[in-house]
Every structure is written in structure tokens, then in C-alpha cells.
C-alpha atoms as a PDB file:
ATOM      1  CA  MET A   1      64.942  99.414  88.041  1.00  0.00           C
ATOM      2  CA  ALA A   2      67.203 102.293  87.018  1.00  0.00           C
ATOM      3  CA  VAL A   3      70.828 101.599  86.242  1.00  0.00           C
ATOM      4  CA  SER A   4      73.457 104.163  87.150  1.00  0.00           C
ATOM      5  CA  ALA A   5      75.818 105.441  84.535  1.00  0.00           C
ATOM      6  CA  PRO A   6      79.426 104.257  84.904  1.00  0.00           C
ATOM      7  CA  ASP A   7      80.456 107.708  86.161  1.00  0.00           C
ATOM      8  CA  ASP A   8      77.825 107.490  88.900  1.00  0.00           C
ATOM      9  CA  LEU A   9      79.091 104.062  89.964  1.00  0.00           C
ATOM     10  CA  SER A  10      82.654 105.303  90.074  1.00  0.00           C
ATOM     11  CA  SER A  11      81.603 108.328  92.094  1.00  0.00           C
ATOM     12  CA  ASP A  12      79.669 106.118  94.520  1.00  0.00           C
ATOM     13  CA  ARG A  13      82.676 103.835  94.998  1.00  0.00           C
ATOM     14  CA  THR A  14      84.976 106.792  95.553  1.00  0.00           C
ATOM     15  CA  ALA A  15      82.621 108.252  98.161  1.00  0.00           C
ATOM     16  CA  GLU A  16      82.321 104.866  99.873  1.00  0.00           C
ATOM     17  CA  ARG A  17      86.101 104.409  99.929  1.00  0.00           C
ATOM     18  CA  ALA A  18      86.546 107.919 101.384  1.00  0.00           C
ATOM     19  CA  TRP A  19      84.024 107.139 104.132  1.00  0.00           C
ATOM     20  CA  ILE A  20      85.776 103.839 104.922  1.00  0.00           C
ATOM     21  CA  CYS A  21      89.092 105.685 105.081  1.00  0.00           C
ATOM     22  CA  ALA A  22      87.665 108.346 107.397  1.00  0.00           C
ATOM     23  CA  ARG A  23      86.307 105.661 109.755  1.00  0.00           C
ATOM     24  CA  ARG A  24      89.591 103.745 109.685  1.00  0.00           C
ATOM     25  CA  ILE A  25      91.577 106.856 110.614  1.00  0.00           C
ATOM     26  CA  ARG A  26      89.319 107.412 113.639  1.00  0.00           C
ATOM     27  CA  GLU A  27      89.324 103.728 114.658  1.00  0.00           C
ATOM     28  CA  ARG A  28      93.095 103.396 114.411  1.00  0.00           C
ATOM     29  CA  ARG A  29      93.684 106.646 116.319  1.00  0.00           C
ATOM     30  CA  ARG A  30      91.446 105.371 119.103  1.00  0.00           C
ATOM     31  CA  GLN A  31      93.147 101.944 119.101  1.00  0.00           C
ATOM     32  CA  LEU A  32      96.426 103.749 119.740  1.00  0.00           C
ATOM     33  CA  ASP A  33      94.767 105.832 122.482  1.00  0.00           C
ATOM     34  CA  LEU A  34      95.590 109.087 120.700  1.00  0.00           C
ATOM     35  CA  THR A  35      93.582 112.287 120.760  1.00  0.00           C
ATOM     36  CA  GLN A  36      93.068 114.259 117.579  1.00  0.00           C
ATOM     37  CA  SER A  37      95.629 116.744 118.915  1.00  0.00           C
ATOM     38  CA  ASP A  38      98.102 113.894 119.500  1.00  0.00           C
ATOM     39  CA  LEU A  39      97.677 112.766 115.902  1.00  0.00           C
ATOM     40  CA  ALA A  40      98.091 116.337 114.648  1.00  0.00           C
ATOM     41  CA  ASP A  41     101.352 116.559 116.643  1.00  0.00           C
ATOM     42  CA  LEU A  42     102.611 113.262 115.181  1.00  0.00           C
ATOM     43  CA  LEU A  43     101.804 114.508 111.697  1.00  0.00           C
ATOM     44  CA  ALA A  44     103.568 117.820 112.403  1.00  0.00           C
ATOM     45  CA  ARG A  45     106.731 115.841 113.200  1.00  0.00           C
ATOM     46  CA  ARG A  46     106.377 114.320 109.730  1.00  0.00           C
ATOM     47  CA  GLY A  47     106.153 117.772 108.153  1.00  0.00           C
ATOM     48  CA  LEU A  48     102.359 118.020 107.859  1.00  0.00           C
ATOM     49  CA  ALA A  49     101.014 121.084 109.611  1.00  0.00           C
ATOM     50  CA  LEU A  50      97.488 119.931 110.481  1.00  0.00           C
ATOM     51  CA  THR A  51      95.333 121.057 113.364  1.00  0.00           C
ATOM     52  CA  ASN A  52      93.115 118.841 115.477  1.00  0.00           C
ATOM     53  CA  ARG A  53      90.173 120.472 113.633  1.00  0.00           C
ATOM     54  CA  THR A  54      91.604 119.228 110.344  1.00  0.00           C
ATOM     55  CA  VAL A  55      92.003 115.740 111.822  1.00  0.00           C
ATOM     56  CA  SER A  56      88.376 115.923 112.954  1.00  0.00           C
ATOM     57  CA  ALA A  57      87.274 116.970 109.470  1.00  0.00           C
ATOM     58  CA  MET A  58      89.212 114.077 107.940  1.00  0.00           C
ATOM     59  CA  GLU A  59      87.648 111.609 110.380  1.00  0.00           C
ATOM     60  CA  ASN A  60      84.226 112.896 109.356  1.00  0.00           C
ATOM     61  CA  GLY A  61      84.901 112.421 105.647  1.00  0.00           C
ATOM     62  CA  ARG A  62      85.628 116.050 104.877  1.00  0.00           C
ATOM     63  CA  ARG A  63      89.001 117.396 103.745  1.00  0.00           C
ATOM     64  CA  LEU A  64      90.363 113.915 103.142  1.00  0.00           C
ATOM     65  CA  ASP A  65      93.492 114.317 101.020  1.00  0.00           C
ATOM     66  CA  LEU A  66      94.701 111.014  99.557  1.00  0.00           C
ATOM     67  CA  GLY A  67      98.181 112.491  99.203  1.00  0.00           C
ATOM     68  CA  LYS A  68      98.422 112.579 102.994  1.00  0.00           C
ATOM     69  CA  LEU A  69      97.582 108.880 103.440  1.00  0.00           C
ATOM     70  CA  PRO A  70     101.213 107.676 103.567  1.00  0.00           C
ATOM     71  CA  ASP A  71     101.985 110.147 106.366  1.00  0.00           C
ATOM     72  CA  LEU A  72      98.742 109.293 108.172  1.00  0.00           C
ATOM     73  CA  ALA A  73      99.532 105.595 107.889  1.00  0.00           C
ATOM     74  CA  GLY A  74     103.025 106.204 109.248  1.00  0.00           C
ATOM     75  CA  ALA A  75     101.755 108.227 112.185  1.00  0.00           C
ATOM     76  CA  LEU A  76      99.090 105.601 112.914  1.00  0.00           C
ATOM     77  CA  THR A  77     101.555 102.700 112.442  1.00  0.00           C
ATOM     78  CA  CYS A  78      99.416 101.010 109.830  1.00  0.00           C
ATOM     79  CA  SER A  79      99.361 100.488 106.085  1.00  0.00           C
ATOM     80  CA  VAL A  80      97.694 102.661 103.483  1.00  0.00           C
ATOM     81  CA  THR A  81      95.775  99.576 102.327  1.00  0.00           C
ATOM     82  CA  TYR A  82      94.335  99.291 105.849  1.00  0.00           C
ATOM     83  CA  LEU A  83      93.214 102.932 105.822  1.00  0.00           C
ATOM     84  CA  LEU A  84      91.574 102.385 102.439  1.00  0.00           C
ATOM     85  CA  GLY A  85      89.685  99.383 103.796  1.00  0.00           C
ATOM     86  CA  LEU A  86      91.426  96.874 101.535  1.00  0.00           C
ATOM     87  CA  THR A  87      92.683  94.750 104.434  1.00  0.00           C
ATOM     88  CA  ARG A  88      91.501  94.155 107.987  1.00  0.00           C
ATOM     89  CA  ASP A  89      95.026  93.836 109.380  1.00  0.00           C
ATOM     90  CA  PRO A  90      96.609  97.246 110.092  1.00  0.00           C
ATOM     91  CA  THR A  91     100.095  95.860 109.384  1.00  0.00           C
ATOM     92  CA  ARG A  92      99.355  94.224 106.014  1.00  0.00           C
ATOM     93  CA  TRP A  93     100.165  96.055 102.813  1.00  0.00           C
ATOM     94  CA  ASP A  94      98.648  93.559 100.388  1.00  0.00           C
ATOM     95  CA  PRO A  95      94.840  93.527 100.062  1.00  0.00           C
ATOM     96  CA  ASP A  96      92.832  90.666 101.561  1.00  0.00           C
END
């Protein structure tokens, strides 16, 4: 059995966390009954000029900018820890 180098493990975890975050953004948007355009509009009000295509790319694990997570969390009325998959409760900030 081959063992991955530490850098490979870290890269795998980062990719997994990004995929979890992408899924959580989509799930939360749908829970709030928002379209991708609605979310883009909410983010624009927070000073982030994103299109619905950018939101789509983020929800598919592309163009996911961690610096935008606080604004995404605010627009989706949830915590950053929820978006990162560290808690199951959208309103909790501390990890499970």
C-alpha cells in the first residue's frame, strides 16, 4: 500500500474542504429558495460584484475564493464554519 506524502494529504484535504464548501453554498441557497441570480444580487449589496455564472462556478467547486466566505455566509444567513463543513447547524460558529 502506497502512502501519500504529507503535501499530497494536505492537498487532498484542501480539495475535499473546497468541495464541501461548494455543496454547502448550493444547499443553503436552495434552503433559502434563492436563485443564483438572487444570491449574486445579495452579494452585490455587500460590495461583491459577482454574476450568477460566478455563483454557479463556485457551487461547482471552481473559482471558490475563501476571502469571500464571510460575505457569502452573511448573504446566506449562516456561519463560515457551516460553509466549510465544520458544523451541521447553519447558525453555529463553533465546530461540532
